[in-house]
Amino acid sequence: MLHPETLEAYRRMTPSERLRLTLEMTTANTPYLFLGTPEQVDRKFELLRRQNDERNRNMLEGLARTRIPT
């Protein structure tokens, strides 16, 4: 969990500032995804896939709850 002051700093950023920060962090950390044995790299990417699937599932469930019945 992020510190409340850090969250507030992110909230004050413009969308372009947040995107720039995201791209900088992605560029800086991407090489580390490929460090390790092939099995370790496979496990890292499998974990990322599971986390992304869970995030997508949660977003879809949230959207489904907001639908207005017709």
PDB file of N, CA and C in Angstrom:
ATOM      1  N   MET A   1       0.840  -1.179   0.000  1.00  0.00           N
ATOM      2  CA  MET A   1       0.000   0.000   0.000  1.00  0.00           C
ATOM      3  C   MET A   1       0.884   1.242   0.000  1.00  0.00           C
ATOM      4  N   LEU A   2       0.473   2.228  -0.764  1.00  0.00           N
ATOM      5  CA  LEU A   2       1.251   3.451  -0.860  1.00  0.00           C
ATOM      6  C   LEU A   2       0.929   4.387   0.299  1.00  0.00           C
ATOM      7  N   HIS A   3       1.920   5.168   0.663  1.00  0.00           N
ATOM      8  CA  HIS A   3       1.757   6.152   1.721  1.00  0.00           C
ATOM      9  C   HIS A   3       0.738   7.197   1.269  1.00  0.00           C
ATOM     10  N   PRO A   4      -0.102   7.689   2.176  1.00  0.00           N
ATOM     11  CA  PRO A   4      -1.120   8.684   1.800  1.00  0.00           C
ATOM     12  C   PRO A   4      -0.539   9.916   1.100  1.00  0.00           C
ATOM     13  N   GLU A   5       0.654  10.357   1.513  1.00  0.00           N
ATOM     14  CA  GLU A   5       1.265  11.523   0.864  1.00  0.00           C
ATOM     15  C   GLU A   5       1.641  11.204  -0.586  1.00  0.00           C
ATOM     16  N   THR A   6       2.094   9.982  -0.826  1.00  0.00           N
ATOM     17  CA  THR A   6       2.437   9.572  -2.187  1.00  0.00           C
ATOM     18  C   THR A   6       1.183   9.536  -3.046  1.00  0.00           C
ATOM     19  N   LEU A   7       0.111   8.975  -2.513  1.00  0.00           N
ATOM     20  CA  LEU A   7      -1.157   8.943  -3.250  1.00  0.00           C
ATOM     21  C   LEU A   7      -1.634  10.347  -3.587  1.00  0.00           C
ATOM     22  N   GLU A   8      -1.517  11.260  -2.646  1.00  0.00           N
ATOM     23  CA  GLU A   8      -1.945  12.637  -2.885  1.00  0.00           C
ATOM     24  C   GLU A   8      -1.086  13.288  -3.966  1.00  0.00           C
ATOM     25  N   ALA A   9       0.211  13.008  -3.965  1.00  0.00           N
ATOM     26  CA  ALA A   9       1.096  13.553  -5.006  1.00  0.00           C
ATOM     27  C   ALA A   9       0.676  13.023  -6.374  1.00  0.00           C
ATOM     28  N   TYR A  10       0.342  11.748  -6.461  1.00  0.00           N
ATOM     29  CA  TYR A  10      -0.127  11.178  -7.728  1.00  0.00           C
ATOM     30  C   TYR A  10      -1.438  11.824  -8.162  1.00  0.00           C
ATOM     31  N   ARG A  11      -2.329  12.092  -7.230  1.00  0.00           N
ATOM     32  CA  ARG A  11      -3.614  12.721  -7.563  1.00  0.00           C
ATOM     33  C   ARG A  11      -3.428  14.129  -8.121  1.00  0.00           C
ATOM     34  N   ARG A  12      -2.398  14.827  -7.628  1.00  0.00           N
ATOM     35  CA  ARG A  12      -2.150  16.193  -8.092  1.00  0.00           C
ATOM     36  C   ARG A  12      -1.482  16.226  -9.470  1.00  0.00           C
ATOM     37  N   MET A  13      -0.918  15.101  -9.911  1.00  0.00           N
ATOM     38  CA  MET A  13      -0.258  15.054 -11.218  1.00  0.00           C
ATOM     39  C   MET A  13      -1.292  15.147 -12.339  1.00  0.00           C
ATOM     40  N   THR A  14      -0.842  15.712 -13.439  1.00  0.00           N
ATOM     41  CA  THR A  14      -1.683  15.716 -14.628  1.00  0.00           C
ATOM     42  C   THR A  14      -1.617  14.317 -15.248  1.00  0.00           C
ATOM     43  N   PRO A  15      -2.580  13.982 -16.103  1.00  0.00           N
ATOM     44  CA  PRO A  15      -2.507  12.676 -16.766  1.00  0.00           C
ATOM     45  C   PRO A  15      -1.194  12.473 -17.531  1.00  0.00           C
ATOM     46  N   SER A  16      -0.687  13.517 -18.174  1.00  0.00           N
ATOM     47  CA  SER A  16       0.568  13.364 -18.918  1.00  0.00           C
ATOM     48  C   SER A  16       1.748  13.119 -17.973  1.00  0.00           C
ATOM     49  N   GLU A  17       1.734  13.717 -16.795  1.00  0.00           N
ATOM     50  CA  GLU A  17       2.799  13.458 -15.816  1.00  0.00           C
ATOM     51  C   GLU A  17       2.737  12.021 -15.309  1.00  0.00           C
ATOM     52  N   ARG A  18       1.525  11.521 -15.056  1.00  0.00           N
ATOM     53  CA  ARG A  18       1.389  10.136 -14.603  1.00  0.00           C
ATOM     54  C   ARG A  18       1.826   9.159 -15.686  1.00  0.00           C
ATOM     55  N   LEU A  19       1.478   9.451 -16.944  1.00  0.00           N
ATOM     56  CA  LEU A  19       1.898   8.598 -18.045  1.00  0.00           C
ATOM     57  C   LEU A  19       3.417   8.604 -18.181  1.00  0.00           C
ATOM     58  N   ARG A  20       4.037   9.769 -18.099  1.00  0.00           N
ATOM     59  CA  ARG A  20       5.492   9.855 -18.186  1.00  0.00           C
ATOM     60  C   ARG A  20       6.144   9.028 -17.092  1.00  0.00           C
ATOM     61  N   LEU A  21       5.647   9.143 -15.872  1.00  0.00           N
ATOM     62  CA  LEU A  21       6.182   8.371 -14.751  1.00  0.00           C
ATOM     63  C   LEU A  21       6.022   6.870 -14.996  1.00  0.00           C
ATOM     64  N   THR A  22       4.861   6.471 -15.484  1.00  0.00           N
ATOM     65  CA  THR A  22       4.602   5.062 -15.785  1.00  0.00           C
ATOM     66  C   THR A  22       5.574   4.536 -16.834  1.00  0.00           C
ATOM     67  N   LEU A  23       5.756   5.305 -17.907  1.00  0.00           N
ATOM     68  CA  LEU A  23       6.656   4.870 -18.976  1.00  0.00           C
ATOM     69  C   LEU A  23       8.105   4.807 -18.501  1.00  0.00           C
ATOM     70  N   GLU A  24       8.511   5.753 -17.661  1.00  0.00           N
ATOM     71  CA  GLU A  24       9.876   5.720 -17.112  1.00  0.00           C
ATOM     72  C   GLU A  24      10.084   4.476 -16.252  1.00  0.00           C
ATOM     73  N   MET A  25       9.114   4.172 -15.403  1.00  0.00           N
ATOM     74  CA  MET A  25       9.247   3.002 -14.541  1.00  0.00           C
ATOM     75  C   MET A  25       9.235   1.716 -15.360  1.00  0.00           C
ATOM     76  N   THR A  26       8.404   1.668 -16.390  1.00  0.00           N
ATOM     77  CA  THR A  26       8.345   0.484 -17.257  1.00  0.00           C
ATOM     78  C   THR A  26       9.686   0.282 -17.958  1.00  0.00           C
ATOM     79  N   THR A  27      10.228   1.356 -18.513  1.00  0.00           N
ATOM     80  CA  THR A  27      11.513   1.273 -19.211  1.00  0.00           C
ATOM     81  C   THR A  27      12.627   0.834 -18.261  1.00  0.00           C
ATOM     82  N   ALA A  28      12.632   1.369 -17.059  1.00  0.00           N
ATOM     83  CA  ALA A  28      13.687   1.047 -16.101  1.00  0.00           C
ATOM     84  C   ALA A  28      13.609  -0.396 -15.611  1.00  0.00           C
ATOM     85  N   ASN A  29      12.404  -0.952 -15.525  1.00  0.00           N
ATOM     86  CA  ASN A  29      12.247  -2.268 -14.909  1.00  0.00           C
ATOM     87  C   ASN A  29      12.059  -3.425 -15.880  1.00  0.00           C
ATOM     88  N   THR A  30      11.798  -3.145 -17.139  1.00  0.00           N
ATOM     89  CA  THR A  30      11.581  -4.219 -18.117  1.00  0.00           C
ATOM     90  C   THR A  30      12.745  -5.198 -18.205  1.00  0.00           C
ATOM     91  N   PRO A  31      13.995  -4.748 -18.204  1.00  0.00           N
ATOM     92  CA  PRO A  31      15.101  -5.719 -18.318  1.00  0.00           C
ATOM     93  C   PRO A  31      15.093  -6.778 -17.207  1.00  0.00           C
ATOM     94  N   TYR A  32      14.602  -6.431 -16.037  1.00  0.00           N
ATOM     95  CA  TYR A  32      14.598  -7.374 -14.920  1.00  0.00           C
ATOM     96  C   TYR A  32      13.614  -8.523 -15.128  1.00  0.00           C
ATOM     97  N   LEU A  33      12.629  -8.323 -15.999  1.00  0.00           N
ATOM     98  CA  LEU A  33      11.693  -9.409 -16.283  1.00  0.00           C
ATOM     99  C   LEU A  33      12.398 -10.594 -16.925  1.00  0.00           C
ATOM    100  N   PHE A  34      13.485 -10.332 -17.610  1.00  0.00           N
ATOM    101  CA  PHE A  34      14.158 -11.374 -18.372  1.00  0.00           C
ATOM    102  C   PHE A  34      15.386 -11.937 -17.670  1.00  0.00           C
ATOM    103  N   LEU A  35      15.640 -11.518 -16.439  1.00  0.00           N
ATOM    104  CA  LEU A  35      16.762 -12.063 -15.677  1.00  0.00           C
ATOM    105  C   LEU A  35      16.363 -13.398 -15.041  1.00  0.00           C
ATOM    106  N   GLY A  36      17.301 -14.325 -15.017  1.00  0.00           N
ATOM    107  CA  GLY A  36      17.038 -15.618 -14.388  1.00  0.00           C
ATOM    108  C   GLY A  36      17.000 -16.728 -15.413  1.00  0.00           C
ATOM    109  N   THR A  37      16.729 -17.915 -14.912  1.00  0.00           N
ATOM    110  CA  THR A  37      16.640 -19.078 -15.787  1.00  0.00           C
ATOM    111  C   THR A  37      15.365 -18.974 -16.625  1.00  0.00           C
ATOM    112  N   PRO A  38      15.284 -19.733 -17.707  1.00  0.00           N
ATOM    113  CA  PRO A  38      14.050 -19.705 -18.503  1.00  0.00           C
ATOM    114  C   PRO A  38      12.810 -20.052 -17.666  1.00  0.00           C
ATOM    115  N   GLU A  39      12.970 -20.948 -16.704  1.00  0.00           N
ATOM    116  CA  GLU A  39      11.836 -21.313 -15.835  1.00  0.00           C
ATOM    117  C   GLU A  39      11.419 -20.135 -14.963  1.00  0.00           C
ATOM    118  N   GLN A  40      12.397 -19.399 -14.443  1.00  0.00           N
ATOM    119  CA  GLN A  40      12.077 -18.239 -13.614  1.00  0.00           C
ATOM    120  C   GLN A  40      11.375 -17.158 -14.443  1.00  0.00           C
ATOM    121  N   VAL A  41      11.865 -16.936 -15.655  1.00  0.00           N
ATOM    122  CA  VAL A  41      11.240 -15.940 -16.539  1.00  0.00           C
ATOM    123  C   VAL A  41       9.805 -16.357 -16.854  1.00  0.00           C
ATOM    124  N   ASP A  42       9.610 -17.651 -17.156  1.00  0.00           N
ATOM    125  CA  ASP A  42       8.254 -18.148 -17.425  1.00  0.00           C
ATOM    126  C   ASP A  42       7.338 -17.927 -16.235  1.00  0.00           C
ATOM    127  N   ARG A  43       7.849 -18.168 -15.027  1.00  0.00           N
ATOM    128  CA  ARG A  43       7.031 -17.967 -13.822  1.00  0.00           C
ATOM    129  C   ARG A  43       6.674 -16.498 -13.631  1.00  0.00           C
ATOM    130  N   LYS A  44       7.617 -15.608 -13.918  1.00  0.00           N
ATOM    131  CA  LYS A  44       7.329 -14.173 -13.792  1.00  0.00           C
ATOM    132  C   LYS A  44       6.177 -13.770 -14.721  1.00  0.00           C
ATOM    133  N   PHE A  45       6.258 -14.238 -15.981  1.00  0.00           N
ATOM    134  CA  PHE A  45       5.226 -13.859 -16.929  1.00  0.00           C
ATOM    135  C   PHE A  45       3.891 -14.534 -16.620  1.00  0.00           C
ATOM    136  N   GLU A  46       3.932 -15.738 -16.107  1.00  0.00           N
ATOM    137  CA  GLU A  46       2.687 -16.401 -15.703  1.00  0.00           C
ATOM    138  C   GLU A  46       2.030 -15.635 -14.553  1.00  0.00           C
ATOM    139  N   LEU A  47       2.834 -15.176 -13.598  1.00  0.00           N
ATOM    140  CA  LEU A  47       2.301 -14.373 -12.493  1.00  0.00           C
ATOM    141  C   LEU A  47       1.681 -13.083 -13.030  1.00  0.00           C
ATOM    142  N   LEU A  48       2.371 -12.422 -13.951  1.00  0.00           N
ATOM    143  CA  LEU A  48       1.814 -11.198 -14.543  1.00  0.00           C
ATOM    144  C   LEU A  48       0.487 -11.475 -15.241  1.00  0.00           C
ATOM    145  N   ARG A  49       0.417 -12.588 -15.984  1.00  0.00           N
ATOM    146  CA  ARG A  49      -0.839 -12.942 -16.664  1.00  0.00           C
ATOM    147  C   ARG A  49      -1.962 -13.178 -15.658  1.00  0.00           C
ATOM    148  N   ARG A  50      -1.660 -13.912 -14.579  1.00  0.00           N
ATOM    149  CA  ARG A  50      -2.694 -14.167 -13.563  1.00  0.00           C
ATOM    150  C   ARG A  50      -3.164 -12.869 -12.922  1.00  0.00           C
ATOM    151  N   GLN A  51      -2.221 -11.980 -12.597  1.00  0.00           N
ATOM    152  CA  GLN A  51      -2.592 -10.710 -11.985  1.00  0.00           C
ATOM    153  C   GLN A  51      -3.434  -9.865 -12.940  1.00  0.00           C
ATOM    154  N   ASN A  52      -3.053  -9.832 -14.207  1.00  0.00           N
ATOM    155  CA  ASN A  52      -3.828  -9.068 -15.193  1.00  0.00           C
ATOM    156  C   ASN A  52      -5.218  -9.658 -15.366  1.00  0.00           C
ATOM    157  N   ASP A  53      -5.315 -10.988 -15.419  1.00  0.00           N
ATOM    158  CA  ASP A  53      -6.623 -11.631 -15.547  1.00  0.00           C
ATOM    159  C   ASP A  53      -7.513 -11.290 -14.351  1.00  0.00           C
ATOM    160  N   GLU A  54      -6.939 -11.330 -13.160  1.00  0.00           N
ATOM    161  CA  GLU A  54      -7.709 -11.005 -11.947  1.00  0.00           C
ATOM    162  C   GLU A  54      -8.170  -9.551 -11.975  1.00  0.00           C
ATOM    163  N   ARG A  55      -7.274  -8.649 -12.373  1.00  0.00           N
ATOM    164  CA  ARG A  55      -7.635  -7.235 -12.465  1.00  0.00           C
ATOM    165  C   ARG A  55      -8.753  -7.029 -13.483  1.00  0.00           C
ATOM    166  N   ASN A  56      -8.637  -7.661 -14.637  1.00  0.00           N
ATOM    167  CA  ASN A  56      -9.676  -7.546 -15.663  1.00  0.00           C
ATOM    168  C   ASN A  56     -11.004  -8.101 -15.173  1.00  0.00           C
ATOM    169  N   ARG A  57     -10.964  -9.246 -14.491  1.00  0.00           N
ATOM    170  CA  ARG A  57     -12.181  -9.847 -13.956  1.00  0.00           C
ATOM    171  C   ARG A  57     -12.843  -8.898 -12.955  1.00  0.00           C
ATOM    172  N   ASN A  58     -12.056  -8.302 -12.085  1.00  0.00           N
ATOM    173  CA  ASN A  58     -12.607  -7.372 -11.093  1.00  0.00           C
ATOM    174  C   ASN A  58     -13.236  -6.151 -11.765  1.00  0.00           C
ATOM    175  N   MET A  59     -12.590  -5.639 -12.813  1.00  0.00           N
ATOM    176  CA  MET A  59     -13.149  -4.483 -13.516  1.00  0.00           C
ATOM    177  C   MET A  59     -14.462  -4.848 -14.201  1.00  0.00           C
ATOM    178  N   LEU A  60     -14.496  -6.011 -14.842  1.00  0.00           N
ATOM    179  CA  LEU A  60     -15.727  -6.435 -15.512  1.00  0.00           C
ATOM    180  C   LEU A  60     -16.857  -6.657 -14.521  1.00  0.00           C
ATOM    181  N   GLU A  61     -16.541  -7.243 -13.364  1.00  0.00           N
ATOM    182  CA  GLU A  61     -17.576  -7.428 -12.338  1.00  0.00           C
ATOM    183  C   GLU A  61     -18.083  -6.084 -11.840  1.00  0.00           C
ATOM    184  N   GLY A  62     -17.166  -5.120 -11.658  1.00  0.00           N
ATOM    185  CA  GLY A  62     -17.580  -3.791 -11.234  1.00  0.00           C
ATOM    186  C   GLY A  62     -18.462  -3.123 -12.263  1.00  0.00           C
ATOM    187  N   LEU A  63     -18.087  -3.250 -13.531  1.00  0.00           N
ATOM    188  CA  LEU A  63     -18.918  -2.667 -14.588  1.00  0.00           C
ATOM    189  C   LEU A  63     -20.295  -3.332 -14.643  1.00  0.00           C
ATOM    190  N   ALA A  64     -20.327  -4.633 -14.464  1.00  0.00           N
ATOM    191  CA  ALA A  64     -21.601  -5.356 -14.498  1.00  0.00           C
ATOM    192  C   ALA A  64     -22.521  -4.876 -13.371  1.00  0.00           C
ATOM    193  N   ARG A  65     -21.965  -4.548 -12.221  1.00  0.00           N
ATOM    194  CA  ARG A  65     -22.775  -4.081 -11.099  1.00  0.00           C
ATOM    195  C   ARG A  65     -23.346  -2.691 -11.356  1.00  0.00           C
ATOM    196  N   THR A  66     -22.727  -1.921 -12.240  1.00  0.00           N
ATOM    197  CA  THR A  66     -23.192  -0.547 -12.469  1.00  0.00           C
ATOM    198  C   THR A  66     -24.222  -0.445 -13.580  1.00  0.00           C
ATOM    199  N   ARG A  67     -24.464  -1.516 -14.275  1.00  0.00           N
ATOM    200  CA  ARG A  67     -25.434  -1.486 -15.367  1.00  0.00           C
ATOM    201  C   ARG A  67     -26.835  -1.236 -14.838  1.00  0.00           C
ATOM    202  N   ILE A  68     -27.523  -0.390 -15.560  1.00  0.00           N
ATOM    203  CA  ILE A  68     -28.904  -0.068 -15.193  1.00  0.00           C
ATOM    204  C   ILE A  68     -29.816  -1.089 -15.874  1.00  0.00           C
ATOM    205  N   PRO A  69     -30.655  -1.787 -15.085  1.00  0.00           N
ATOM    206  CA  PRO A  69     -31.559  -2.769 -15.718  1.00  0.00           C
ATOM    207  C   PRO A  69     -32.531  -2.076 -16.658  1.00  0.00           C
ATOM    208  N   THR A  70     -32.807  -2.721 -17.790  1.00  0.00           N
ATOM    209  CA  THR A  70     -33.751  -2.131 -18.743  1.00  0.00           C
ATOM    210  C   THR A  70     -35.021  -2.915 -18.804  1.00  0.00           C
TER     211      THR A  70
END
